[in-house]
Amino acid sequence: MSEYPDVKREDFKIPSGMEKKIIILALLMAILALIASSVGVVGAGQRGVLLRFGAMTGIIKDEGLYFKIPFVEQVVLMSTQIQKYSALASASSKDLQVVTTEVTLNYQLEAGKVGEIYRTMRQDYEHRVIQPFVQEAVKSIAANFDAEQLITQRPRVKADLQNLISTKLAPLGIRVVELSITDFRFTQVFQDSIEAKVKAVQQALEAENALKRVGFEAQQAVVKATAEAKGLELQKAQITEQLLALRKIEVQRLAVEKWNGVMPSVVTGGGPVPMLDVFRP
């Protein structure tokens, strides 16, 4: 017995015209969904790896619009832009000092090898190869240098590290663009010893400069004294008997010129001699 006896089944029946419209609308939506699932876009700086039922097809989609078979094919996007990986790596130097290095690696997937990269590593290449390779390379390179050399020869350390990582990643289709060593951290005991050594070197340099300055001043004094002695020798060499006689004549002439005609009160055994100040004007 119906709960609502006054309501008839015919009241819920969809008119035939409306039913056709609903079916047509559903078909259009299904067609649009099918078309939408068969079209996609590979963005700038990307490549698309085409899969068929999850298996590699060897086809790589370039940037732009692409078509695929709905529910059968799938396109996985792989970035070919420059990417950055940063990590801390601990190692021991040649003289067994513990050093923590902060490394920043800029890398890029080779466009022609994104299919092989996806086949072997999917999109987890950073965790699978880049991270362990960087850690291993830092330990290998740090063992070739003393702790002090890691600081004083930093450009060489960087070049060796970058070359080693490039050699390991290049066969996998990953190109190293640039590697940077942003920091070296040592134990506090080693840092204190470095600071003490630097201070000692500075003090030794200051003492050496002071010694050089004293030596230079002494050398200048010797040169000056030598020059003065040579000057006196030259003057002595120039004093001859003829020069002394000439100076005596000049003094007598000045005395005569300055005499005022008055006889002096001082008389010697040889007769009166004028006592004149020949240097008075």
C-alpha atoms as a PDB file:
ATOM      1  CA  MET A   1       0.000   0.000   0.000  1.00  0.00           C
ATOM      2  CA  SER A   2       1.474   3.385  -1.022  1.00  0.00           C
ATOM      3  CA  GLU A   3       2.402   5.804   1.690  1.00  0.00           C
ATOM      4  CA  TYR A   4       1.093   8.649  -0.473  1.00  0.00           C
ATOM      5  CA  PRO A   5      -1.973   7.260  -2.236  1.00  0.00           C
ATOM      6  CA  ASP A   6      -2.713  10.522  -3.994  1.00  0.00           C
ATOM      7  CA  VAL A   7       0.700  10.673  -5.762  1.00  0.00           C
ATOM      8  CA  LYS A   8       0.833   8.714  -9.003  1.00  0.00           C
ATOM      9  CA  ARG A   9       3.967   7.392 -10.800  1.00  0.00           C
ATOM     10  CA  GLU A  10       3.049   9.268 -13.910  1.00  0.00           C
ATOM     11  CA  ASP A  11       3.652  12.518 -12.042  1.00  0.00           C
ATOM     12  CA  PHE A  12       7.471  11.780 -11.950  1.00  0.00           C
ATOM     13  CA  LYS A  13       7.788  10.830 -15.572  1.00  0.00           C
ATOM     14  CA  ILE A  14      10.156  13.121 -17.563  1.00  0.00           C
ATOM     15  CA  PRO A  15       8.619  14.430 -20.747  1.00  0.00           C
ATOM     16  CA  SER A  16      10.079  12.806 -23.837  1.00  0.00           C
ATOM     17  CA  GLY A  17      11.414  16.116 -25.221  1.00  0.00           C
ATOM     18  CA  MET A  18      13.246  16.981 -22.000  1.00  0.00           C
ATOM     19  CA  GLU A  19      14.745  13.484 -21.775  1.00  0.00           C
ATOM     20  CA  LYS A  20      16.326  13.865 -25.211  1.00  0.00           C
ATOM     21  CA  LYS A  21      17.871  17.205 -24.238  1.00  0.00           C
ATOM     22  CA  ILE A  22      19.404  15.705 -21.092  1.00  0.00           C
ATOM     23  CA  ILE A  23      20.898  12.838 -23.087  1.00  0.00           C
ATOM     24  CA  ILE A  24      22.329  15.219 -25.686  1.00  0.00           C
ATOM     25  CA  LEU A  25      23.794  17.452 -22.972  1.00  0.00           C
ATOM     26  CA  ALA A  26      25.402  14.452 -21.262  1.00  0.00           C
ATOM     27  CA  LEU A  27      26.898  13.311 -24.558  1.00  0.00           C
ATOM     28  CA  LEU A  28      28.308  16.796 -25.221  1.00  0.00           C
ATOM     29  CA  MET A  29      29.869  16.924 -21.765  1.00  0.00           C
ATOM     30  CA  ALA A  30      31.410  13.497 -22.258  1.00  0.00           C
ATOM     31  CA  ILE A  31      32.807  14.535 -25.632  1.00  0.00           C
ATOM     32  CA  LEU A  32      34.262  17.738 -24.162  1.00  0.00           C
ATOM     33  CA  ALA A  33      35.809  15.786 -21.298  1.00  0.00           C
ATOM     34  CA  LEU A  34      37.280  13.333 -23.785  1.00  0.00           C
ATOM     35  CA  ILE A  35      38.755  16.142 -25.865  1.00  0.00           C
ATOM     36  CA  ALA A  36      40.111  17.880 -22.784  1.00  0.00           C
ATOM     37  CA  SER A  37      41.803  14.680 -21.605  1.00  0.00           C
ATOM     38  CA  SER A  38      43.460  14.228 -25.010  1.00  0.00           C
ATOM     39  CA  VAL A  39      45.048  17.686 -25.113  1.00  0.00           C
ATOM     40  CA  GLY A  40      47.725  19.211 -22.916  1.00  0.00           C
ATOM     41  CA  VAL A  41      50.429  21.857 -22.811  1.00  0.00           C
ATOM     42  CA  VAL A  42      54.172  21.551 -22.157  1.00  0.00           C
ATOM     43  CA  GLY A  43      55.262  24.795 -20.550  1.00  0.00           C
ATOM     44  CA  ALA A  44      58.411  26.831 -21.167  1.00  0.00           C
ATOM     45  CA  GLY A  45      61.492  25.159 -19.686  1.00  0.00           C
ATOM     46  CA  GLN A  46      59.837  21.717 -19.664  1.00  0.00           C
ATOM     47  CA  ARG A  47      59.736  18.483 -21.657  1.00  0.00           C
ATOM     48  CA  GLY A  48      56.930  15.910 -21.657  1.00  0.00           C
ATOM     49  CA  VAL A  49      57.657  12.188 -21.368  1.00  0.00           C
ATOM     50  CA  LEU A  50      54.915  10.209 -23.131  1.00  0.00           C
ATOM     51  CA  LEU A  51      53.806   7.000 -21.397  1.00  0.00           C
ATOM     52  CA  ARG A  52      51.419   4.382 -22.779  1.00  0.00           C
ATOM     53  CA  PHE A  53      49.738   2.303 -20.101  1.00  0.00           C
ATOM     54  CA  GLY A  54      52.530   3.484 -17.795  1.00  0.00           C
ATOM     55  CA  ALA A  55      55.317   2.235 -20.074  1.00  0.00           C
ATOM     56  CA  MET A  56      57.934   4.368 -21.800  1.00  0.00           C
ATOM     57  CA  THR A  57      57.269   5.105 -25.454  1.00  0.00           C
ATOM     58  CA  GLY A  58      60.526   6.941 -26.161  1.00  0.00           C
ATOM     59  CA  ILE A  59      58.565   9.987 -27.337  1.00  0.00           C
ATOM     60  CA  ILE A  60      59.410  13.355 -25.787  1.00  0.00           C
ATOM     61  CA  LYS A  61      56.971  16.230 -26.168  1.00  0.00           C
ATOM     62  CA  ASP A  62      58.531  19.656 -26.752  1.00  0.00           C
ATOM     63  CA  GLU A  63      57.185  22.948 -25.436  1.00  0.00           C
ATOM     64  CA  GLY A  64      53.692  23.774 -26.641  1.00  0.00           C
ATOM     65  CA  LEU A  65      50.406  21.934 -27.301  1.00  0.00           C
ATOM     66  CA  TYR A  66      50.336  18.122 -27.525  1.00  0.00           C
ATOM     67  CA  PHE A  67      47.736  15.394 -28.136  1.00  0.00           C
ATOM     68  CA  LYS A  68      47.453  11.970 -26.534  1.00  0.00           C
ATOM     69  CA  ILE A  69      45.037   9.072 -26.424  1.00  0.00           C
ATOM     70  CA  PRO A  70      42.715   9.516 -23.438  1.00  0.00           C
ATOM     71  CA  PHE A  71      42.923   6.896 -20.673  1.00  0.00           C
ATOM     72  CA  VAL A  72      45.709   5.167 -22.604  1.00  0.00           C
ATOM     73  CA  GLU A  73      48.560   7.660 -22.755  1.00  0.00           C
ATOM     74  CA  GLN A  74      49.961   9.980 -20.147  1.00  0.00           C
ATOM     75  CA  VAL A  75      52.466  12.863 -20.372  1.00  0.00           C
ATOM     76  CA  VAL A  76      54.804  13.445 -17.419  1.00  0.00           C
ATOM     77  CA  LEU A  77      56.337  16.927 -17.312  1.00  0.00           C
ATOM     78  CA  MET A  78      60.064  17.187 -16.552  1.00  0.00           C
ATOM     79  CA  SER A  79      61.713  20.551 -15.822  1.00  0.00           C
ATOM     80  CA  THR A  80      64.751  21.500 -17.919  1.00  0.00           C
ATOM     81  CA  GLN A  81      65.226  24.801 -16.125  1.00  0.00           C
ATOM     82  CA  ILE A  82      68.182  25.487 -13.822  1.00  0.00           C
ATOM     83  CA  GLN A  83      67.429  24.048 -10.401  1.00  0.00           C
ATOM     84  CA  LYS A  84      69.172  24.569  -7.062  1.00  0.00           C
ATOM     85  CA  TYR A  85      70.223  22.032  -4.487  1.00  0.00           C
ATOM     86  CA  SER A  86      71.775  23.076  -1.154  1.00  0.00           C
ATOM     87  CA  ALA A  87      73.112  20.842   1.566  1.00  0.00           C
ATOM     88  CA  LEU A  88      75.511  20.595   4.499  1.00  0.00           C
ATOM     89  CA  ALA A  89      78.258  18.006   4.162  1.00  0.00           C
ATOM     90  CA  SER A  90      80.677  16.936   6.893  1.00  0.00           C
ATOM     91  CA  ALA A  91      84.132  15.599   6.095  1.00  0.00           C
ATOM     92  CA  SER A  92      87.648  15.258   7.458  1.00  0.00           C
ATOM     93  CA  SER A  93      90.566  17.211   6.062  1.00  0.00           C
ATOM     94  CA  LYS A  94      93.973  15.760   5.254  1.00  0.00           C
ATOM     95  CA  ASP A  95      95.210  16.687   8.733  1.00  0.00           C
ATOM     96  CA  LEU A  96      92.111  15.047  10.277  1.00  0.00           C
ATOM     97  CA  GLN A  97      90.262  18.240  11.128  1.00  0.00           C
ATOM     98  CA  VAL A  98      86.459  17.936  11.016  1.00  0.00           C
ATOM     99  CA  VAL A  99      84.967  20.443   8.583  1.00  0.00           C
ATOM    100  CA  THR A 100      81.330  21.103   7.733  1.00  0.00           C
ATOM    101  CA  THR A 101      80.811  22.514   4.261  1.00  0.00           C
ATOM    102  CA  GLU A 102      77.715  24.222   2.915  1.00  0.00           C
ATOM    103  CA  VAL A 103      77.423  23.503  -0.796  1.00  0.00           C
ATOM    104  CA  THR A 104      74.985  25.003  -3.296  1.00  0.00           C
ATOM    105  CA  LEU A 105      74.688  23.197  -6.628  1.00  0.00           C
ATOM    106  CA  ASN A 106      72.941  24.676  -9.660  1.00  0.00           C
ATOM    107  CA  TYR A 107      72.115  21.937 -12.153  1.00  0.00           C
ATOM    108  CA  GLN A 108      69.982  21.335 -15.230  1.00  0.00           C
ATOM    109  CA  LEU A 109      68.453  18.261 -16.868  1.00  0.00           C
ATOM    110  CA  GLU A 110      69.549  17.727 -20.459  1.00  0.00           C
ATOM    111  CA  ALA A 111      66.461  18.008 -22.663  1.00  0.00           C
ATOM    112  CA  GLY A 112      67.438  15.037 -24.808  1.00  0.00           C
ATOM    113  CA  LYS A 113      67.846  12.718 -21.813  1.00  0.00           C
ATOM    114  CA  VAL A 114      64.727  13.437 -19.765  1.00  0.00           C
ATOM    115  CA  GLY A 115      63.170  10.170 -20.960  1.00  0.00           C
ATOM    116  CA  GLU A 116      66.075   8.095 -19.648  1.00  0.00           C
ATOM    117  CA  ILE A 117      66.142  10.117 -16.425  1.00  0.00           C
ATOM    118  CA  TYR A 118      62.468   9.380 -15.852  1.00  0.00           C
ATOM    119  CA  ARG A 119      62.898   5.703 -16.717  1.00  0.00           C
ATOM    120  CA  THR A 120      65.736   5.199 -14.226  1.00  0.00           C
ATOM    121  CA  MET A 121      64.873   7.669 -11.474  1.00  0.00           C
ATOM    122  CA  ARG A 122      61.375   8.979 -12.166  1.00  0.00           C
ATOM    123  CA  GLN A 123      61.310  12.536 -10.775  1.00  0.00           C
ATOM    124  CA  ASP A 124      63.308  11.626  -7.668  1.00  0.00           C
ATOM    125  CA  TYR A 125      66.754  12.265  -9.214  1.00  0.00           C
ATOM    126  CA  GLU A 126      67.727  14.834  -6.571  1.00  0.00           C
ATOM    127  CA  HIS A 127      67.293  12.390  -3.713  1.00  0.00           C
ATOM    128  CA  ARG A 128      68.635   9.353  -5.577  1.00  0.00           C
ATOM    129  CA  VAL A 129      71.843  10.686  -7.147  1.00  0.00           C
ATOM    130  CA  ILE A 130      72.529  14.385  -6.507  1.00  0.00           C
ATOM    131  CA  GLN A 131      72.445  14.232  -2.717  1.00  0.00           C
ATOM    132  CA  PRO A 132      74.720  11.163  -2.297  1.00  0.00           C
ATOM    133  CA  PHE A 133      77.103  12.326  -5.048  1.00  0.00           C
ATOM    134  CA  VAL A 134      77.556  15.723  -3.402  1.00  0.00           C
ATOM    135  CA  GLN A 135      78.195  14.151   0.016  1.00  0.00           C
ATOM    136  CA  GLU A 136      80.703  11.698  -1.419  1.00  0.00           C
ATOM    137  CA  ALA A 137      82.491  14.366  -3.487  1.00  0.00           C
ATOM    138  CA  VAL A 138      82.902  16.699  -0.501  1.00  0.00           C
ATOM    139  CA  LYS A 139      84.474  13.924   1.572  1.00  0.00           C
ATOM    140  CA  SER A 140      86.771  12.932  -1.296  1.00  0.00           C
ATOM    141  CA  ILE A 141      88.017  16.457  -2.070  1.00  0.00           C
ATOM    142  CA  ALA A 142      88.363  17.571   1.573  1.00  0.00           C
ATOM    143  CA  ALA A 143      90.703  14.626   2.222  1.00  0.00           C
ATOM    144  CA  ASN A 144      93.175  16.092  -0.310  1.00  0.00           C
ATOM    145  CA  PHE A 145      93.697  19.360   1.584  1.00  0.00           C
ATOM    146  CA  ASP A 146      94.777  20.413   5.051  1.00  0.00           C
ATOM    147  CA  ALA A 147      92.197  22.380   6.977  1.00  0.00           C
ATOM    148  CA  GLU A 148      94.106  25.607   6.471  1.00  0.00           C
ATOM    149  CA  GLN A 149      94.413  24.926   2.740  1.00  0.00           C
ATOM    150  CA  LEU A 150      90.634  24.542   2.475  1.00  0.00           C
ATOM    151  CA  ILE A 151      90.477  28.228   3.373  1.00  0.00           C
ATOM    152  CA  THR A 152      93.556  29.634   1.643  1.00  0.00           C
ATOM    153  CA  GLN A 153      93.043  27.586  -1.552  1.00  0.00           C
ATOM    154  CA  ARG A 154      89.280  27.889  -1.732  1.00  0.00           C
ATOM    155  CA  PRO A 155      89.072  28.506  -5.521  1.00  0.00           C
ATOM    156  CA  ARG A 156      91.027  25.311  -6.187  1.00  0.00           C
ATOM    157  CA  VAL A 157      88.854  23.343  -3.750  1.00  0.00           C
ATOM    158  CA  LYS A 158      85.744  24.618  -5.491  1.00  0.00           C
ATOM    159  CA  ALA A 159      87.074  23.769  -8.960  1.00  0.00           C
ATOM    160  CA  ASP A 160      88.066  20.233  -7.922  1.00  0.00           C
ATOM    161  CA  LEU A 161      84.703  19.650  -6.267  1.00  0.00           C
ATOM    162  CA  GLN A 162      82.735  20.946  -9.250  1.00  0.00           C
ATOM    163  CA  ASN A 163      84.746  18.855 -11.712  1.00  0.00           C
ATOM    164  CA  LEU A 164      84.236  15.692  -9.663  1.00  0.00           C
ATOM    165  CA  ILE A 165      80.466  16.173  -9.331  1.00  0.00           C
ATOM    166  CA  SER A 166      80.176  17.060 -13.034  1.00  0.00           C
ATOM    167  CA  THR A 167      82.010  13.860 -13.973  1.00  0.00           C
ATOM    168  CA  LYS A 168      79.580  11.776 -11.928  1.00  0.00           C
ATOM    169  CA  LEU A 169      76.334  13.477 -13.009  1.00  0.00           C
ATOM    170  CA  ALA A 170      77.014  14.102 -16.713  1.00  0.00           C
ATOM    171  CA  PRO A 171      76.523  10.442 -17.811  1.00  0.00           C
ATOM    172  CA  LEU A 172      73.097  10.498 -16.117  1.00  0.00           C
ATOM    173  CA  GLY A 173      71.918  13.478 -18.159  1.00  0.00           C
ATOM    174  CA  ILE A 174      72.363  16.051 -15.392  1.00  0.00           C
ATOM    175  CA  ARG A 175      74.571  19.030 -16.223  1.00  0.00           C
ATOM    176  CA  VAL A 176      76.296  21.010 -13.480  1.00  0.00           C
ATOM    177  CA  VAL A 177      75.868  24.725 -14.162  1.00  0.00           C
ATOM    178  CA  GLU A 178      77.707  26.145 -11.150  1.00  0.00           C
ATOM    179  CA  LEU A 179      78.802  25.015  -7.728  1.00  0.00           C
ATOM    180  CA  SER A 180      79.333  27.349  -4.782  1.00  0.00           C
ATOM    181  CA  ILE A 181      80.926  26.725  -1.417  1.00  0.00           C
ATOM    182  CA  THR A 182      79.077  29.176   0.773  1.00  0.00           C
ATOM    183  CA  ASP A 183      80.673  28.270   4.094  1.00  0.00           C
ATOM    184  CA  PHE A 184      83.419  26.273   5.859  1.00  0.00           C
ATOM    185  CA  ARG A 185      82.875  25.473   9.521  1.00  0.00           C
ATOM    186  CA  PHE A 186      85.577  24.021  11.762  1.00  0.00           C
ATOM    187  CA  THR A 187      85.713  23.024  15.400  1.00  0.00           C
ATOM    188  CA  GLN A 188      86.111  25.844  17.915  1.00  0.00           C
ATOM    189  CA  VAL A 189      89.569  24.598  18.951  1.00  0.00           C
ATOM    190  CA  PHE A 190      90.805  24.776  15.366  1.00  0.00           C
ATOM    191  CA  GLN A 191      89.301  28.226  14.815  1.00  0.00           C
ATOM    192  CA  ASP A 192      91.058  29.492  17.963  1.00  0.00           C
ATOM    193  CA  SER A 193      94.384  28.080  16.750  1.00  0.00           C
ATOM    194  CA  ILE A 194      93.926  29.752  13.356  1.00  0.00           C
ATOM    195  CA  GLU A 195      93.221  33.101  14.989  1.00  0.00           C
ATOM    196  CA  ALA A 196      96.316  32.731  17.216  1.00  0.00           C
ATOM    197  CA  LYS A 197      98.464  31.861  14.203  1.00  0.00           C
ATOM    198  CA  VAL A 198      97.182  34.825  12.226  1.00  0.00           C
ATOM    199  CA  LYS A 199      97.878  37.123  15.156  1.00  0.00           C
ATOM    200  CA  ALA A 200     101.420  35.745  15.522  1.00  0.00           C
ATOM    201  CA  VAL A 201     102.075  36.231  11.818  1.00  0.00           C
ATOM    202  CA  GLN A 202     100.868  39.831  12.017  1.00  0.00           C
ATOM    203  CA  GLN A 203     103.078  40.548  15.009  1.00  0.00           C
ATOM    204  CA  ALA A 204     106.097  38.986  13.278  1.00  0.00           C
ATOM    205  CA  LEU A 205     105.393  41.085  10.205  1.00  0.00           C
ATOM    206  CA  GLU A 206     105.176  44.253  12.282  1.00  0.00           C
ATOM    207  CA  ALA A 207     108.504  43.409  13.984  1.00  0.00           C
ATOM    208  CA  GLU A 208     110.111  42.716  10.620  1.00  0.00           C
ATOM    209  CA  ASN A 209     108.876  46.028   9.256  1.00  0.00           C
ATOM    210  CA  ALA A 210     110.209  47.848  12.337  1.00  0.00           C
ATOM    211  CA  LEU A 211     113.598  46.164  11.901  1.00  0.00           C
ATOM    212  CA  LYS A 212     113.688  47.131   8.262  1.00  0.00           C
ATOM    213  CA  ARG A 213     112.840  50.714   9.193  1.00  0.00           C
ATOM    214  CA  VAL A 214     115.695  50.857  11.741  1.00  0.00           C
ATOM    215  CA  GLY A 215     118.113  49.395   9.216  1.00  0.00           C
ATOM    216  CA  PHE A 216     117.034  51.903   6.613  1.00  0.00           C
ATOM    217  CA  GLU A 217     117.477  54.810   8.997  1.00  0.00           C
ATOM    218  CA  ALA A 218     120.937  53.537   9.990  1.00  0.00           C
ATOM    219  CA  GLN A 219     121.864  53.195   6.347  1.00  0.00           C
ATOM    220  CA  GLN A 220     120.739  56.758   5.710  1.00  0.00           C
ATOM    221  CA  ALA A 221     122.895  57.974   8.620  1.00  0.00           C
ATOM    222  CA  VAL A 222     125.922  56.143   7.203  1.00  0.00           C
ATOM    223  CA  VAL A 223     125.344  57.630   3.786  1.00  0.00           C
ATOM    224  CA  LYS A 224     125.019  61.113   5.283  1.00  0.00           C
ATOM    225  CA  ALA A 225     128.195  60.761   7.364  1.00  0.00           C
ATOM    226  CA  THR A 226     130.084  59.406   4.376  1.00  0.00           C
ATOM    227  CA  ALA A 227     128.965  62.342   2.258  1.00  0.00           C
ATOM    228  CA  GLU A 228     130.031  64.837   4.917  1.00  0.00           C
ATOM    229  CA  ALA A 229     133.453  63.162   5.287  1.00  0.00           C
ATOM    230  CA  LYS A 230     133.992  63.263   1.545  1.00  0.00           C
ATOM    231  CA  GLY A 231     133.016  66.918   1.549  1.00  0.00           C
ATOM    232  CA  LEU A 232     135.632  67.704   4.220  1.00  0.00           C
ATOM    233  CA  GLU A 233     138.265  65.736   2.308  1.00  0.00           C
ATOM    234  CA  LEU A 234     137.490  67.719  -0.819  1.00  0.00           C
ATOM    235  CA  GLN A 235     137.750  70.974   1.079  1.00  0.00           C
ATOM    236  CA  LYS A 236     141.062  69.908   2.661  1.00  0.00           C
ATOM    237  CA  ALA A 237     142.444  68.859  -0.690  1.00  0.00           C
ATOM    238  CA  GLN A 238     141.664  72.285  -2.089  1.00  0.00           C
ATOM    239  CA  ILE A 239     143.684  74.151   0.641  1.00  0.00           C
ATOM    240  CA  THR A 240     147.167  74.738  -0.874  1.00  0.00           C
ATOM    241  CA  GLU A 241     150.094  77.085  -0.011  1.00  0.00           C
ATOM    242  CA  GLN A 242     149.126  79.319  -2.915  1.00  0.00           C
ATOM    243  CA  LEU A 243     145.566  79.543  -1.540  1.00  0.00           C
ATOM    244  CA  LEU A 244     146.837  80.439   1.972  1.00  0.00           C
ATOM    245  CA  ALA A 245     149.165  83.142   0.533  1.00  0.00           C
ATOM    246  CA  LEU A 246     146.285  84.548  -1.495  1.00  0.00           C
ATOM    247  CA  ARG A 247     144.056  84.683   1.591  1.00  0.00           C
ATOM    248  CA  LYS A 248     146.854  86.483   3.507  1.00  0.00           C
ATOM    249  CA  ILE A 249     147.227  89.101   0.767  1.00  0.00           C
ATOM    250  CA  GLU A 250     143.448  89.648   0.751  1.00  0.00           C
ATOM    251  CA  VAL A 251     143.453  90.220   4.524  1.00  0.00           C
ATOM    252  CA  GLN A 252     146.311  92.749   4.271  1.00  0.00           C
ATOM    253  CA  ARG A 253     144.577  94.582   1.451  1.00  0.00           C
ATOM    254  CA  LEU A 254     141.390  94.865   3.486  1.00  0.00           C
ATOM    255  CA  ALA A 255     143.427  96.213   6.423  1.00  0.00           C
ATOM    256  CA  VAL A 256     145.000  98.927   4.266  1.00  0.00           C
ATOM    257  CA  GLU A 257     141.644  99.897   2.779  1.00  0.00           C
ATOM    258  CA  LYS A 258     140.096 100.277   6.253  1.00  0.00           C
ATOM    259  CA  TRP A 259     143.040 102.258   7.790  1.00  0.00           C
ATOM    260  CA  ASN A 260     142.037 105.857   8.599  1.00  0.00           C
ATOM    261  CA  GLY A 261     145.590 107.258   8.678  1.00  0.00           C
ATOM    262  CA  VAL A 262     145.890 107.300  12.493  1.00  0.00           C
ATOM    263  CA  MET A 263     148.885 105.483  13.859  1.00  0.00           C
ATOM    264  CA  PRO A 264     148.002 102.828  16.427  1.00  0.00           C
ATOM    265  CA  SER A 265     149.193 103.049  19.989  1.00  0.00           C
ATOM    266  CA  VAL A 266     150.554  99.510  19.902  1.00  0.00           C
ATOM    267  CA  VAL A 267     154.102  99.296  18.615  1.00  0.00           C
ATOM    268  CA  THR A 268     155.979  96.096  17.963  1.00  0.00           C
ATOM    269  CA  GLY A 269     159.673  95.493  17.543  1.00  0.00           C
ATOM    270  CA  GLY A 270     159.332  95.844  13.816  1.00  0.00           C
ATOM    271  CA  GLY A 271     157.635  99.225  14.045  1.00  0.00           C
ATOM    272  CA  PRO A 272     154.061 100.432  14.293  1.00  0.00           C
ATOM    273  CA  VAL A 273     151.488  98.089  12.761  1.00  0.00           C
ATOM    274  CA  PRO A 274     147.956  99.228  12.202  1.00  0.00           C
ATOM    275  CA  MET A 275     145.537  97.164  14.329  1.00  0.00           C
ATOM    276  CA  LEU A 276     142.452  97.265  12.250  1.00  0.00           C
ATOM    277  CA  ASP A 277     139.255  95.245  12.264  1.00  0.00           C
ATOM    278  CA  VAL A 278     139.217  94.227   8.623  1.00  0.00           C
ATOM    279  CA  PHE A 279     135.791  92.660   8.992  1.00  0.00           C
ATOM    280  CA  ARG A 280     134.094  95.906  10.258  1.00  0.00           C
ATOM    281  CA  PRO A 281     132.231  97.734   7.513  1.00  0.00           C
END
